Amino acid sequence: MNTRADLYAADLRTANWRKSSYTANNGNCVEVTEIPGVAGMAVRDSKNVDIPAARVSRGAWAQFLSAVAGESFVPVEM
């Protein structure tokens, strides 16, 4: 089994997307969903839902959330 291939092969057309609970009321939102049948999560921009979603394992998602909650996540400025 190739986990990365499985994450990207999953069909998200009927996924149950939900907006982040930290979304401000300014239109800058992200949506997340569990990937059906695969131990993964998908993240997308709610304003650009036609752009492919980023997909990660549930473990990677949990590490990301932990880093953000613990304030140890440092975003890269572009």
PDB file of N, CA and C in Angstrom:
ATOM      1  N   MET A   1       0.844  -1.185   0.000  1.00  0.00           N
ATOM      2  CA  MET A   1       0.000   0.000   0.000  1.00  0.00           C
ATOM      3  C   MET A   1       0.887   1.246   0.000  1.00  0.00           C
ATOM      4  N   ASN A   2       0.566   2.202  -0.853  1.00  0.00           N
ATOM      5  CA  ASN A   2       1.278   3.463  -0.921  1.00  0.00           C
ATOM      6  C   ASN A   2       0.361   4.534  -0.343  1.00  0.00           C
ATOM      7  N   THR A   3       0.629   4.942   0.884  1.00  0.00           N
ATOM      8  CA  THR A   3      -0.255   5.861   1.586  1.00  0.00           C
ATOM      9  C   THR A   3      -0.446   7.169   0.842  1.00  0.00           C
ATOM     10  N   ARG A   4       0.627   7.748   0.322  1.00  0.00           N
ATOM     11  CA  ARG A   4       0.510   9.028  -0.398  1.00  0.00           C
ATOM     12  C   ARG A   4      -0.374   8.861  -1.626  1.00  0.00           C
ATOM     13  N   ALA A   5      -0.162   7.782  -2.370  1.00  0.00           N
ATOM     14  CA  ALA A   5      -0.995   7.529  -3.551  1.00  0.00           C
ATOM     15  C   ALA A   5      -2.450   7.330  -3.137  1.00  0.00           C
ATOM     16  N   ASP A   6      -2.688   6.626  -2.036  1.00  0.00           N
ATOM     17  CA  ASP A   6      -4.053   6.417  -1.550  1.00  0.00           C
ATOM     18  C   ASP A   6      -4.712   7.739  -1.162  1.00  0.00           C
ATOM     19  N   LEU A   7      -3.950   8.624  -0.530  1.00  0.00           N
ATOM     20  CA  LEU A   7      -4.493   9.933  -0.140  1.00  0.00           C
ATOM     21  C   LEU A   7      -4.974  10.705  -1.365  1.00  0.00           C
ATOM     22  N   TYR A   8      -4.163  10.679  -2.426  1.00  0.00           N
ATOM     23  CA  TYR A   8      -4.504  11.460  -3.615  1.00  0.00           C
ATOM     24  C   TYR A   8      -5.448  10.748  -4.568  1.00  0.00           C
ATOM     25  N   ALA A   9      -5.604   9.444  -4.400  1.00  0.00           N
ATOM     26  CA  ALA A   9      -6.545   8.702  -5.242  1.00  0.00           C
ATOM     27  C   ALA A   9      -7.972   8.807  -4.709  1.00  0.00           C
ATOM     28  N   ALA A  10      -8.108   9.156  -3.437  1.00  0.00           N
ATOM     29  CA  ALA A  10      -9.441   9.227  -2.814  1.00  0.00           C
ATOM     30  C   ALA A  10     -10.288  10.320  -3.477  1.00  0.00           C
ATOM     31  N   ASP A  11     -11.547  10.003  -3.701  1.00  0.00           N
ATOM     32  CA  ASP A  11     -12.499  10.931  -4.308  1.00  0.00           C
ATOM     33  C   ASP A  11     -13.126  11.793  -3.219  1.00  0.00           C
ATOM     34  N   LEU A  12     -12.943  13.110  -3.303  1.00  0.00           N
ATOM     35  CA  LEU A  12     -13.457  14.024  -2.284  1.00  0.00           C
ATOM     36  C   LEU A  12     -14.737  14.747  -2.698  1.00  0.00           C
ATOM     37  N   ARG A  13     -15.318  14.340  -3.826  1.00  0.00           N
ATOM     38  CA  ARG A  13     -16.516  15.055  -4.305  1.00  0.00           C
ATOM     39  C   ARG A  13     -17.677  14.993  -3.329  1.00  0.00           C
ATOM     40  N   THR A  14     -17.790  13.930  -2.549  1.00  0.00           N
ATOM     41  CA  THR A  14     -18.898  13.816  -1.599  1.00  0.00           C
ATOM     42  C   THR A  14     -18.435  13.963  -0.154  1.00  0.00           C
ATOM     43  N   ALA A  15     -17.215  14.461   0.035  1.00  0.00           N
ATOM     44  CA  ALA A  15     -16.664  14.617   1.386  1.00  0.00           C
ATOM     45  C   ALA A  15     -17.468  15.652   2.172  1.00  0.00           C
ATOM     46  N   ASN A  16     -17.471  15.489   3.477  1.00  0.00           N
ATOM     47  CA  ASN A  16     -18.174  16.399   4.384  1.00  0.00           C
ATOM     48  C   ASN A  16     -17.196  17.474   4.865  1.00  0.00           C
ATOM     49  N   TRP A  17     -17.066  18.547   4.089  1.00  0.00           N
ATOM     50  CA  TRP A  17     -16.146  19.633   4.408  1.00  0.00           C
ATOM     51  C   TRP A  17     -16.713  20.470   5.543  1.00  0.00           C
ATOM     52  N   ARG A  18     -15.819  20.929   6.425  1.00  0.00           N
ATOM     53  CA  ARG A  18     -16.242  21.841   7.500  1.00  0.00           C
ATOM     54  C   ARG A  18     -15.224  22.969   7.610  1.00  0.00           C
ATOM     55  N   LYS A  19     -15.721  24.157   7.937  1.00  0.00           N
ATOM     56  CA  LYS A  19     -14.838  25.313   8.069  1.00  0.00           C
ATOM     57  C   LYS A  19     -14.111  25.263   9.398  1.00  0.00           C
ATOM     58  N   SER A  20     -12.906  25.771   9.401  1.00  0.00           N
ATOM     59  CA  SER A  20     -12.116  25.843  10.617  1.00  0.00           C
ATOM     60  C   SER A  20     -12.860  26.635  11.676  1.00  0.00           C
ATOM     61  N   SER A  21     -12.766  26.201  12.921  1.00  0.00           N
ATOM     62  CA  SER A  21     -13.417  26.928  14.015  1.00  0.00           C
ATOM     63  C   SER A  21     -12.696  28.235  14.313  1.00  0.00           C
ATOM     64  N   TYR A  22     -11.507  28.435  13.755  1.00  0.00           N
ATOM     65  CA  TYR A  22     -10.753  29.668  13.966  1.00  0.00           C
ATOM     66  C   TYR A  22     -10.903  30.652  12.819  1.00  0.00           C
ATOM     67  N   THR A  23     -11.856  30.416  11.942  1.00  0.00           N
ATOM     68  CA  THR A  23     -12.067  31.284  10.797  1.00  0.00           C
ATOM     69  C   THR A  23     -12.615  32.635  11.250  1.00  0.00           C
ATOM     70  N   ALA A  24     -12.010  33.681  10.738  1.00  0.00           N
ATOM     71  CA  ALA A  24     -12.505  35.033  11.002  1.00  0.00           C
ATOM     72  C   ALA A  24     -13.644  35.322  10.033  1.00  0.00           C
ATOM     73  N   ASN A  25     -14.392  36.349  10.297  1.00  0.00           N
ATOM     74  CA  ASN A  25     -15.502  36.703   9.406  1.00  0.00           C
ATOM     75  C   ASN A  25     -15.034  37.619   8.282  1.00  0.00           C
ATOM     76  N   ASN A  26     -13.853  37.355   7.732  1.00  0.00           N
ATOM     77  CA  ASN A  26     -13.319  38.194   6.664  1.00  0.00           C
ATOM     78  C   ASN A  26     -13.207  37.450   5.333  1.00  0.00           C
ATOM     79  N   GLY A  27     -13.743  36.239   5.269  1.00  0.00           N
ATOM     80  CA  GLY A  27     -13.716  35.474   4.032  1.00  0.00           C
ATOM     81  C   GLY A  27     -12.467  34.639   3.837  1.00  0.00           C
ATOM     82  N   ASN A  28     -11.483  34.795   4.703  1.00  0.00           N
ATOM     83  CA  ASN A  28     -10.255  34.002   4.620  1.00  0.00           C
ATOM     84  C   ASN A  28     -10.446  32.726   5.439  1.00  0.00           C
ATOM     85  N   CYS A  29     -10.918  31.686   4.777  1.00  0.00           N
ATOM     86  CA  CYS A  29     -11.290  30.461   5.478  1.00  0.00           C
ATOM     87  C   CYS A  29     -10.596  29.248   4.884  1.00  0.00           C
ATOM     88  N   VAL A  30     -10.369  28.266   5.734  1.00  0.00           N
ATOM     89  CA  VAL A  30      -9.947  26.962   5.256  1.00  0.00           C
ATOM     90  C   VAL A  30     -11.014  25.962   5.665  1.00  0.00           C
ATOM     91  N   GLU A  31     -11.132  24.923   4.871  1.00  0.00           N
ATOM     92  CA  GLU A  31     -12.058  23.843   5.161  1.00  0.00           C
ATOM     93  C   GLU A  31     -11.261  22.555   5.265  1.00  0.00           C
ATOM     94  N   VAL A  32     -11.708  21.659   6.130  1.00  0.00           N
ATOM     95  CA  VAL A  32     -11.040  20.378   6.313  1.00  0.00           C
ATOM     96  C   VAL A  32     -12.056  19.253   6.223  1.00  0.00           C
ATOM     97  N   THR A  33     -11.568  18.074   5.875  1.00  0.00           N
ATOM     98  CA  THR A  33     -12.407  16.884   5.861  1.00  0.00           C
ATOM     99  C   THR A  33     -11.538  15.661   6.089  1.00  0.00           C
ATOM    100  N   GLU A  34     -12.127  14.654   6.671  1.00  0.00           N
ATOM    101  CA  GLU A  34     -11.445  13.368   6.738  1.00  0.00           C
ATOM    102  C   GLU A  34     -11.553  12.752   5.347  1.00  0.00           C
ATOM    103  N   ILE A  35     -10.513  12.064   4.932  1.00  0.00           N
ATOM    104  CA  ILE A  35     -10.543  11.417   3.627  1.00  0.00           C
ATOM    105  C   ILE A  35     -11.188  10.042   3.804  1.00  0.00           C
ATOM    106  N   PRO A  36     -12.338   9.825   3.172  1.00  0.00           N
ATOM    107  CA  PRO A  36     -13.064   8.561   3.332  1.00  0.00           C
ATOM    108  C   PRO A  36     -12.230   7.354   2.925  1.00  0.00           C
ATOM    109  N   GLY A  37     -12.171   6.344   3.791  1.00  0.00           N
ATOM    110  CA  GLY A  37     -11.493   5.104   3.470  1.00  0.00           C
ATOM    111  C   GLY A  37      -9.980   5.140   3.587  1.00  0.00           C
ATOM    112  N   VAL A  38      -9.420   6.292   3.950  1.00  0.00           N
ATOM    113  CA  VAL A  38      -7.975   6.445   4.078  1.00  0.00           C
ATOM    114  C   VAL A  38      -7.708   7.199   5.383  1.00  0.00           C
ATOM    115  N   ALA A  39      -6.662   6.866   6.080  1.00  0.00           N
ATOM    116  CA  ALA A  39      -6.319   7.565   7.326  1.00  0.00           C
ATOM    117  C   ALA A  39      -5.666   8.892   6.990  1.00  0.00           C
ATOM    118  N   GLY A  40      -6.463   9.834   6.512  1.00  0.00           N
ATOM    119  CA  GLY A  40      -5.911  11.113   6.107  1.00  0.00           C
ATOM    120  C   GLY A  40      -6.890  12.256   6.249  1.00  0.00           C
ATOM    121  N   MET A  41      -6.370  13.442   6.047  1.00  0.00           N
ATOM    122  CA  MET A  41      -7.154  14.673   6.098  1.00  0.00           C
ATOM    123  C   MET A  41      -6.861  15.478   4.838  1.00  0.00           C
ATOM    124  N   ALA A  42      -7.845  16.254   4.421  1.00  0.00           N
ATOM    125  CA  ALA A  42      -7.673  17.153   3.280  1.00  0.00           C
ATOM    126  C   ALA A  42      -8.013  18.568   3.737  1.00  0.00           C
ATOM    127  N   VAL A  43      -7.290  19.536   3.202  1.00  0.00           N
ATOM    128  CA  VAL A  43      -7.465  20.947   3.561  1.00  0.00           C
ATOM    129  C   VAL A  43      -7.571  21.740   2.268  1.00  0.00           C
ATOM    130  N   ARG A  44      -8.531  22.660   2.225  1.00  0.00           N
ATOM    131  CA  ARG A  44      -8.676  23.495   1.018  1.00  0.00           C
ATOM    132  C   ARG A  44      -9.062  24.916   1.403  1.00  0.00           C
ATOM    133  N   ASP A  45      -8.871  25.809   0.467  1.00  0.00           N
ATOM    134  CA  ASP A  45      -9.270  27.208   0.595  1.00  0.00           C
ATOM    135  C   ASP A  45     -10.751  27.284   0.250  1.00  0.00           C
ATOM    136  N   SER A  46     -11.558  27.802   1.159  1.00  0.00           N
ATOM    137  CA  SER A  46     -13.005  27.832   0.926  1.00  0.00           C
ATOM    138  C   SER A  46     -13.399  28.751  -0.223  1.00  0.00           C
ATOM    139  N   LYS A  47     -12.540  29.708  -0.588  1.00  0.00           N
ATOM    140  CA  LYS A  47     -12.850  30.610  -1.705  1.00  0.00           C
ATOM    141  C   LYS A  47     -12.476  30.010  -3.046  1.00  0.00           C
ATOM    142  N   ASN A  48     -11.616  28.989  -3.038  1.00  0.00           N
ATOM    143  CA  ASN A  48     -11.119  28.382  -4.269  1.00  0.00           C
ATOM    144  C   ASN A  48     -11.264  26.870  -4.198  1.00  0.00           C
ATOM    145  N   VAL A  49     -12.488  26.393  -4.089  1.00  0.00           N
ATOM    146  CA  VAL A  49     -12.726  24.960  -3.884  1.00  0.00           C
ATOM    147  C   VAL A  49     -12.379  24.111  -5.106  1.00  0.00           C
ATOM    148  N   ASP A  50     -12.174  24.731  -6.253  1.00  0.00           N
ATOM    149  CA  ASP A  50     -11.802  23.966  -7.444  1.00  0.00           C
ATOM    150  C   ASP A  50     -10.306  23.660  -7.501  1.00  0.00           C
ATOM    151  N   ILE A  51      -9.527  24.346  -6.680  1.00  0.00           N
ATOM    152  CA  ILE A  51      -8.100  24.053  -6.596  1.00  0.00           C
ATOM    153  C   ILE A  51      -7.953  22.784  -5.760  1.00  0.00           C
ATOM    154  N   PRO A  52      -7.120  21.838  -6.177  1.00  0.00           N
ATOM    155  CA  PRO A  52      -6.983  20.588  -5.415  1.00  0.00           C
ATOM    156  C   PRO A  52      -6.595  20.834  -3.954  1.00  0.00           C
ATOM    157  N   ALA A  53      -7.189  20.053  -3.091  1.00  0.00           N
ATOM    158  CA  ALA A  53      -6.918  20.161  -1.659  1.00  0.00           C
ATOM    159  C   ALA A  53      -5.572  19.544  -1.315  1.00  0.00           C
ATOM    160  N   ALA A  54      -4.922  20.105  -0.308  1.00  0.00           N
ATOM    161  CA  ALA A  54      -3.720  19.480   0.249  1.00  0.00           C
ATOM    162  C   ALA A  54      -4.174  18.267   1.047  1.00  0.00           C
ATOM    163  N   ARG A  55      -3.430  17.178   0.969  1.00  0.00           N
ATOM    164  CA  ARG A  55      -3.810  15.947   1.652  1.00  0.00           C
ATOM    165  C   ARG A  55      -2.634  15.448   2.478  1.00  0.00           C
ATOM    166  N   VAL A  56      -2.919  15.091   3.722  1.00  0.00           N
ATOM    167  CA  VAL A  56      -1.884  14.614   4.635  1.00  0.00           C
ATOM    168  C   VAL A  56      -2.422  13.455   5.458  1.00  0.00           C
ATOM    169  N   SER A  57      -1.504  12.696   6.051  1.00  0.00           N
ATOM    170  CA  SER A  57      -1.921  11.616   6.941  1.00  0.00           C
ATOM    171  C   SER A  57      -2.540  12.219   8.203  1.00  0.00           C
ATOM    172  N   ARG A  58      -3.331  11.424   8.903  1.00  0.00           N
ATOM    173  CA  ARG A  58      -3.912  11.919  10.155  1.00  0.00           C
ATOM    174  C   ARG A  58      -2.817  12.230  11.171  1.00  0.00           C
ATOM    175  N   GLY A  59      -1.742  11.448  11.155  1.00  0.00           N
ATOM    176  CA  GLY A  59      -0.623  11.710  12.058  1.00  0.00           C
ATOM    177  C   GLY A  59       0.022  13.059  11.797  1.00  0.00           C
ATOM    178  N   ALA A  60       0.246  13.377  10.518  1.00  0.00           N
ATOM    179  CA  ALA A  60       0.834  14.673  10.156  1.00  0.00           C
ATOM    180  C   ALA A  60      -0.108  15.810  10.526  1.00  0.00           C
ATOM    181  N   TRP A  61      -1.403  15.614  10.335  1.00  0.00           N
ATOM    182  CA  TRP A  61      -2.392  16.632  10.689  1.00  0.00           C
ATOM    183  C   TRP A  61      -2.382  16.872  12.198  1.00  0.00           C
ATOM    184  N   ALA A  62      -2.320  15.794  12.984  1.00  0.00           N
ATOM    185  CA  ALA A  62      -2.294  15.912  14.444  1.00  0.00           C
ATOM    186  C   ALA A  62      -1.041  16.657  14.904  1.00  0.00           C
ATOM    187  N   GLN A  63       0.105  16.373  14.270  1.00  0.00           N
ATOM    188  CA  GLN A  63       1.342  17.076  14.616  1.00  0.00           C
ATOM    189  C   GLN A  63       1.244  18.561  14.284  1.00  0.00           C
ATOM    190  N   PHE A  64       0.658  18.879  13.142  1.00  0.00           N
ATOM    191  CA  PHE A  64       0.476  20.280  12.746  1.00  0.00           C
ATOM    192  C   PHE A  64      -0.407  21.010  13.757  1.00  0.00           C
ATOM    193  N   LEU A  65      -1.546  20.413  14.108  1.00  0.00           N
ATOM    194  CA  LEU A  65      -2.455  21.054  15.068  1.00  0.00           C
ATOM    195  C   LEU A  65      -1.791  21.227  16.425  1.00  0.00           C
ATOM    196  N   SER A  66      -1.029  20.240  16.848  1.00  0.00           N
ATOM    197  CA  SER A  66      -0.319  20.328  18.121  1.00  0.00           C
ATOM    198  C   SER A  66       0.703  21.461  18.106  1.00  0.00           C
ATOM    199  N   ALA A  67       1.422  21.602  17.001  1.00  0.00           N
ATOM    200  CA  ALA A  67       2.414  22.679  16.882  1.00  0.00           C
ATOM    201  C   ALA A  67       1.743  24.039  16.915  1.00  0.00           C
ATOM    202  N   VAL A  68       0.618  24.181  16.224  1.00  0.00           N
ATOM    203  CA  VAL A  68      -0.095  25.462  16.214  1.00  0.00           C
ATOM    204  C   VAL A  68      -0.656  25.765  17.599  1.00  0.00           C
ATOM    205  N   ALA A  69      -1.271  24.786  18.239  1.00  0.00           N
ATOM    206  CA  ALA A  69      -1.855  24.995  19.558  1.00  0.00           C
ATOM    207  C   ALA A  69      -0.776  25.296  20.594  1.00  0.00           C
ATOM    208  N   GLY A  70       0.408  24.697  20.442  1.00  0.00           N
ATOM    209  CA  GLY A  70       1.492  24.908  21.378  1.00  0.00           C
ATOM    210  C   GLY A  70       2.351  26.117  21.052  1.00  0.00           C
ATOM    211  N   GLU A  71       1.959  26.839  20.024  1.00  0.00           N
ATOM    212  CA  GLU A  71       2.648  28.043  19.574  1.00  0.00           C
ATOM    213  C   GLU A  71       4.097  27.779  19.178  1.00  0.00           C
ATOM    214  N   SER A  72       4.388  26.529  18.755  1.00  0.00           N
ATOM    215  CA  SER A  72       5.738  26.235  18.292  1.00  0.00           C
ATOM    216  C   SER A  72       5.821  26.225  16.764  1.00  0.00           C
ATOM    217  N   PHE A  73       4.686  26.467  16.102  1.00  0.00           N
ATOM    218  CA  PHE A  73       4.660  26.531  14.647  1.00  0.00           C
ATOM    219  C   PHE A  73       5.042  27.918  14.206  1.00  0.00           C
ATOM    220  N   VAL A  74       6.035  28.004  13.331  1.00  0.00           N
ATOM    221  CA  VAL A  74       6.488  29.300  12.831  1.00  0.00           C
ATOM    222  C   VAL A  74       6.229  29.333  11.336  1.00  0.00           C
ATOM    223  N   PRO A  75       5.244  30.128  10.893  1.00  0.00           N
ATOM    224  CA  PRO A  75       4.968  30.200   9.454  1.00  0.00           C
ATOM    225  C   PRO A  75       6.100  30.901   8.707  1.00  0.00           C
ATOM    226  N   VAL A  76       6.287  30.485   7.478  1.00  0.00           N
ATOM    227  CA  VAL A  76       7.308  31.104   6.628  1.00  0.00           C
ATOM    228  C   VAL A  76       6.671  32.287   5.920  1.00  0.00           C
ATOM    229  N   GLU A  77       7.334  33.430   5.984  1.00  0.00           N
ATOM    230  CA  GLU A  77       6.809  34.606   5.290  1.00  0.00           C
ATOM    231  C   GLU A  77       7.213  34.553   3.833  1.00  0.00           C
ATOM    232  N   MET A  78       6.290  34.949   2.968  1.00  0.00           N
ATOM    233  CA  MET A  78       6.572  34.927   1.534  1.00  0.00           C
ATOM    234  C   MET A  78       6.705  36.321   1.013  1.00  0.00           C
TER     235      MET A  78
END
